[in-house]
Amino acid sequence: MTRCSRALAAALVVLPALALTGVPTHADAASTAASHSVSSARPTVYTVTGRVVRFGNGRPVRNVRVSTFDGNDTDFLAADLTNRDGRFTMTVTSSDDTFGIYVQGGRAGFQNGWLGCDKTLKPTFGDACTFGPQVGKIRIKVA
């Protein structure tokens, strides 16, 4: 056997092993993506802010309890009462960057409910949307 044919024979022996271990597959990519999503789910500190105003005239509403929940409505995260300008601020530690917002206006003569996509209150979490840290204006109706 010549030196060239021995090198070719050695390469033919190694190639099947490389094909089994060296080439990434779709399953490898999915596994890698899953491991990255697990590692990126570390809790982050967010400051959730917004303002509660009357539906009709846009005036601020004070003493309304605004609560944040994780994006699945399973874990309470934080709550705050609106100030005289209708503003609230909460510090939330979560691995989720969107939040369910529940507004309890009953103690101030206003409605209770989950914040919907149109920034008005909805009766159930299923009818609502999730929001990022800057919630914006929440329009609330008199009860």
C-alpha atoms as a PDB file:
ATOM      1  CA  MET A   1       0.000   0.000   0.000  1.00  0.00           C
ATOM      2  CA  THR A   2       1.413   3.401  -0.933  1.00  0.00           C
ATOM      3  CA  ARG A   3       1.638   6.327   1.397  1.00  0.00           C
ATOM      4  CA  CYS A   4      -1.157   8.151  -0.482  1.00  0.00           C
ATOM      5  CA  SER A   5      -3.529   5.178  -0.316  1.00  0.00           C
ATOM      6  CA  ARG A   6      -2.833   4.735   3.442  1.00  0.00           C
ATOM      7  CA  ALA A   7      -3.789   8.373   4.041  1.00  0.00           C
ATOM      8  CA  LEU A   8      -6.947   7.893   1.998  1.00  0.00           C
ATOM      9  CA  ALA A   9      -7.836   4.734   3.961  1.00  0.00           C
ATOM     10  CA  ALA A  10      -7.290   6.568   7.271  1.00  0.00           C
ATOM     11  CA  ALA A  11      -9.549   9.411   6.099  1.00  0.00           C
ATOM     12  CA  LEU A  12     -12.278   6.958   5.137  1.00  0.00           C
ATOM     13  CA  VAL A  13     -12.159   5.474   8.635  1.00  0.00           C
ATOM     14  CA  VAL A  14     -12.438   8.896  10.313  1.00  0.00           C
ATOM     15  CA  LEU A  15     -15.184  10.388   8.091  1.00  0.00           C
ATOM     16  CA  PRO A  16     -18.077   8.242   9.399  1.00  0.00           C
ATOM     17  CA  ALA A  17     -17.165   9.170  12.991  1.00  0.00           C
ATOM     18  CA  LEU A  18     -17.149  12.864  12.073  1.00  0.00           C
ATOM     19  CA  ALA A  19     -20.499  12.534  10.378  1.00  0.00           C
ATOM     20  CA  LEU A  20     -21.994  11.136  13.585  1.00  0.00           C
ATOM     21  CA  THR A  21     -20.511  13.639  16.008  1.00  0.00           C
ATOM     22  CA  GLY A  22     -19.308  16.755  14.225  1.00  0.00           C
ATOM     23  CA  VAL A  23     -22.246  18.028  12.151  1.00  0.00           C
ATOM     24  CA  PRO A  24     -24.995  19.820  14.074  1.00  0.00           C
ATOM     25  CA  THR A  25     -28.560  18.713  13.341  1.00  0.00           C
ATOM     26  CA  HIS A  26     -31.944  20.410  13.795  1.00  0.00           C
ATOM     27  CA  ALA A  27     -32.336  18.495  17.055  1.00  0.00           C
ATOM     28  CA  ASP A  28     -29.010  19.920  18.262  1.00  0.00           C
ATOM     29  CA  ALA A  29     -30.161  23.437  17.381  1.00  0.00           C
ATOM     30  CA  ALA A  30     -33.468  22.941  19.235  1.00  0.00           C
ATOM     31  CA  SER A  31     -31.632  21.589  22.254  1.00  0.00           C
ATOM     32  CA  THR A  32     -29.247  24.554  22.234  1.00  0.00           C
ATOM     33  CA  ALA A  33     -32.140  27.027  21.883  1.00  0.00           C
ATOM     34  CA  ALA A  34     -33.963  25.374  24.804  1.00  0.00           C
ATOM     35  CA  SER A  35     -30.886  25.592  27.013  1.00  0.00           C
ATOM     36  CA  HIS A  36     -30.455  29.286  26.125  1.00  0.00           C
ATOM     37  CA  SER A  37     -34.082  30.063  26.927  1.00  0.00           C
ATOM     38  CA  VAL A  38     -33.743  28.408  30.321  1.00  0.00           C
ATOM     39  CA  SER A  39     -30.569  30.322  31.122  1.00  0.00           C
ATOM     40  CA  SER A  40     -32.077  33.640  29.931  1.00  0.00           C
ATOM     41  CA  ALA A  41     -35.028  33.231  32.317  1.00  0.00           C
ATOM     42  CA  ARG A  42     -33.097  34.835  35.152  1.00  0.00           C
ATOM     43  CA  PRO A  43     -35.074  37.313  37.226  1.00  0.00           C
ATOM     44  CA  THR A  44     -34.663  40.968  36.309  1.00  0.00           C
ATOM     45  CA  VAL A  45     -35.696  44.046  38.283  1.00  0.00           C
ATOM     46  CA  TYR A  46     -38.276  46.210  36.502  1.00  0.00           C
ATOM     47  CA  THR A  47     -39.868  49.498  37.495  1.00  0.00           C
ATOM     48  CA  VAL A  48     -43.528  49.339  36.471  1.00  0.00           C
ATOM     49  CA  THR A  49     -45.129  52.773  36.118  1.00  0.00           C
ATOM     50  CA  GLY A  50     -48.378  54.266  34.911  1.00  0.00           C
ATOM     51  CA  ARG A  51     -51.241  56.597  35.652  1.00  0.00           C
ATOM     52  CA  VAL A  52     -54.922  55.993  36.416  1.00  0.00           C
ATOM     53  CA  VAL A  53     -57.338  58.588  35.025  1.00  0.00           C
ATOM     54  CA  ARG A  54     -61.127  58.989  34.751  1.00  0.00           C
ATOM     55  CA  PHE A  55     -62.552  57.517  31.560  1.00  0.00           C
ATOM     56  CA  GLY A  56     -64.561  60.603  30.547  1.00  0.00           C
ATOM     57  CA  ASN A  57     -62.435  63.595  31.443  1.00  0.00           C
ATOM     58  CA  GLY A  58     -58.889  62.270  31.960  1.00  0.00           C
ATOM     59  CA  ARG A  59     -58.563  63.607  35.509  1.00  0.00           C
ATOM     60  CA  PRO A  60     -56.268  61.626  37.833  1.00  0.00           C
ATOM     61  CA  VAL A  61     -57.756  59.111  40.255  1.00  0.00           C
ATOM     62  CA  ARG A  62     -56.059  58.694  43.636  1.00  0.00           C
ATOM     63  CA  ASN A  63     -56.124  55.813  46.142  1.00  0.00           C
ATOM     64  CA  VAL A  64     -56.609  53.105  43.528  1.00  0.00           C
ATOM     65  CA  ARG A  65     -54.665  49.889  44.140  1.00  0.00           C
ATOM     66  CA  VAL A  66     -52.775  48.711  41.045  1.00  0.00           C
ATOM     67  CA  SER A  67     -51.236  45.214  41.181  1.00  0.00           C
ATOM     68  CA  THR A  68     -48.877  43.364  38.862  1.00  0.00           C
ATOM     69  CA  PHE A  69     -48.971  39.645  38.162  1.00  0.00           C
ATOM     70  CA  ASP A  70     -46.725  37.504  36.012  1.00  0.00           C
ATOM     71  CA  GLY A  71     -47.797  37.018  32.406  1.00  0.00           C
ATOM     72  CA  ASN A  72     -49.755  33.869  33.311  1.00  0.00           C
ATOM     73  CA  ASP A  73     -51.875  35.440  36.098  1.00  0.00           C
ATOM     74  CA  THR A  74     -50.445  32.991  38.622  1.00  0.00           C
ATOM     75  CA  ASP A  75     -47.965  34.959  40.712  1.00  0.00           C
ATOM     76  CA  PHE A  76     -48.613  38.256  42.471  1.00  0.00           C
ATOM     77  CA  LEU A  77     -45.548  40.466  42.022  1.00  0.00           C
ATOM     78  CA  ALA A  78     -46.209  43.901  43.539  1.00  0.00           C
ATOM     79  CA  ALA A  79     -48.839  46.580  44.236  1.00  0.00           C
ATOM     80  CA  ASP A  80     -49.061  50.323  44.777  1.00  0.00           C
ATOM     81  CA  LEU A  81     -51.740  52.935  45.530  1.00  0.00           C
ATOM     82  CA  THR A  82     -52.064  55.785  43.078  1.00  0.00           C
ATOM     83  CA  ASN A  83     -51.012  59.196  44.373  1.00  0.00           C
ATOM     84  CA  ARG A  84     -52.908  62.484  43.931  1.00  0.00           C
ATOM     85  CA  ASP A  85     -51.716  62.649  40.299  1.00  0.00           C
ATOM     86  CA  GLY A  86     -53.025  59.117  39.665  1.00  0.00           C
ATOM     87  CA  ARG A  87     -49.481  57.782  39.310  1.00  0.00           C
ATOM     88  CA  PHE A  88     -48.183  54.449  40.549  1.00  0.00           C
ATOM     89  CA  THR A  89     -44.709  52.919  40.653  1.00  0.00           C
ATOM     90  CA  MET A  90     -43.767  49.345  41.543  1.00  0.00           C
ATOM     91  CA  THR A  91     -40.468  47.536  41.682  1.00  0.00           C
ATOM     92  CA  VAL A  92     -40.922  44.030  40.302  1.00  0.00           C
ATOM     93  CA  THR A  93     -38.410  41.190  40.174  1.00  0.00           C
ATOM     94  CA  SER A  94     -39.444  38.740  37.475  1.00  0.00           C
ATOM     95  CA  SER A  95     -38.081  36.537  34.717  1.00  0.00           C
ATOM     96  CA  ASP A  96     -40.989  37.762  32.575  1.00  0.00           C
ATOM     97  CA  ASP A  97     -40.846  41.207  30.925  1.00  0.00           C
ATOM     98  CA  THR A  98     -44.623  41.585  30.541  1.00  0.00           C
ATOM     99  CA  PHE A  99     -47.169  41.801  33.314  1.00  0.00           C
ATOM    100  CA  GLY A 100     -50.862  41.398  33.962  1.00  0.00           C
ATOM    101  CA  ILE A 101     -52.231  44.541  35.599  1.00  0.00           C
ATOM    102  CA  TYR A 102     -55.190  44.390  38.018  1.00  0.00           C
ATOM    103  CA  VAL A 103     -56.808  47.658  39.114  1.00  0.00           C
ATOM    104  CA  GLN A 104     -58.947  47.879  42.259  1.00  0.00           C
ATOM    105  CA  GLY A 105     -60.840  51.143  42.073  1.00  0.00           C
ATOM    106  CA  GLY A 106     -63.751  50.050  44.280  1.00  0.00           C
ATOM    107  CA  ARG A 107     -62.435  51.740  47.414  1.00  0.00           C
ATOM    108  CA  ALA A 108     -62.446  55.072  45.514  1.00  0.00           C
ATOM    109  CA  GLY A 109     -65.875  54.539  43.868  1.00  0.00           C
ATOM    110  CA  PHE A 110     -64.503  53.223  40.571  1.00  0.00           C
ATOM    111  CA  GLN A 111     -64.550  49.866  38.801  1.00  0.00           C
ATOM    112  CA  ASN A 112     -62.245  46.882  39.375  1.00  0.00           C
ATOM    113  CA  GLY A 113     -60.727  44.806  36.600  1.00  0.00           C
ATOM    114  CA  TRP A 114     -57.822  43.610  34.470  1.00  0.00           C
ATOM    115  CA  LEU A 115     -56.187  46.068  32.097  1.00  0.00           C
ATOM    116  CA  GLY A 116     -57.174  45.441  28.487  1.00  0.00           C
ATOM    117  CA  CYS A 117     -55.353  46.275  25.276  1.00  0.00           C
ATOM    118  CA  ASP A 118     -57.432  49.459  24.882  1.00  0.00           C
ATOM    119  CA  LYS A 119     -56.271  50.622  28.377  1.00  0.00           C
ATOM    120  CA  THR A 120     -59.737  50.140  29.919  1.00  0.00           C
ATOM    121  CA  LEU A 121     -60.639  47.500  32.515  1.00  0.00           C
ATOM    122  CA  LYS A 122     -61.909  44.035  31.607  1.00  0.00           C
ATOM    123  CA  PRO A 123     -63.699  41.545  33.898  1.00  0.00           C
ATOM    124  CA  THR A 124     -61.283  38.619  33.441  1.00  0.00           C
ATOM    125  CA  PHE A 125     -57.595  38.033  32.838  1.00  0.00           C
ATOM    126  CA  GLY A 126     -58.536  36.200  29.630  1.00  0.00           C
ATOM    127  CA  ASP A 127     -60.067  39.419  28.260  1.00  0.00           C
ATOM    128  CA  ALA A 128     -57.007  41.484  29.187  1.00  0.00           C
ATOM    129  CA  CYS A 129     -53.537  42.041  27.733  1.00  0.00           C
ATOM    130  CA  THR A 130     -50.089  41.977  29.258  1.00  0.00           C
ATOM    131  CA  PHE A 131     -47.929  45.079  29.381  1.00  0.00           C
ATOM    132  CA  GLY A 132     -44.286  46.023  29.697  1.00  0.00           C
ATOM    133  CA  PRO A 133     -42.907  48.188  32.502  1.00  0.00           C
ATOM    134  CA  GLN A 134     -44.268  51.499  31.136  1.00  0.00           C
ATOM    135  CA  VAL A 135     -48.008  50.908  31.321  1.00  0.00           C
ATOM    136  CA  GLY A 136     -49.167  54.406  30.362  1.00  0.00           C
ATOM    137  CA  LYS A 137     -52.631  55.802  31.095  1.00  0.00           C
ATOM    138  CA  ILE A 138     -55.297  53.501  32.457  1.00  0.00           C
ATOM    139  CA  ARG A 139     -58.809  54.831  31.809  1.00  0.00           C
ATOM    140  CA  ILE A 140     -61.174  53.838  34.626  1.00  0.00           C
ATOM    141  CA  LYS A 141     -64.958  54.265  34.870  1.00  0.00           C
ATOM    142  CA  VAL A 142     -67.061  55.179  37.881  1.00  0.00           C
ATOM    143  CA  ALA A 143     -68.593  52.042  39.428  1.00  0.00           C
END
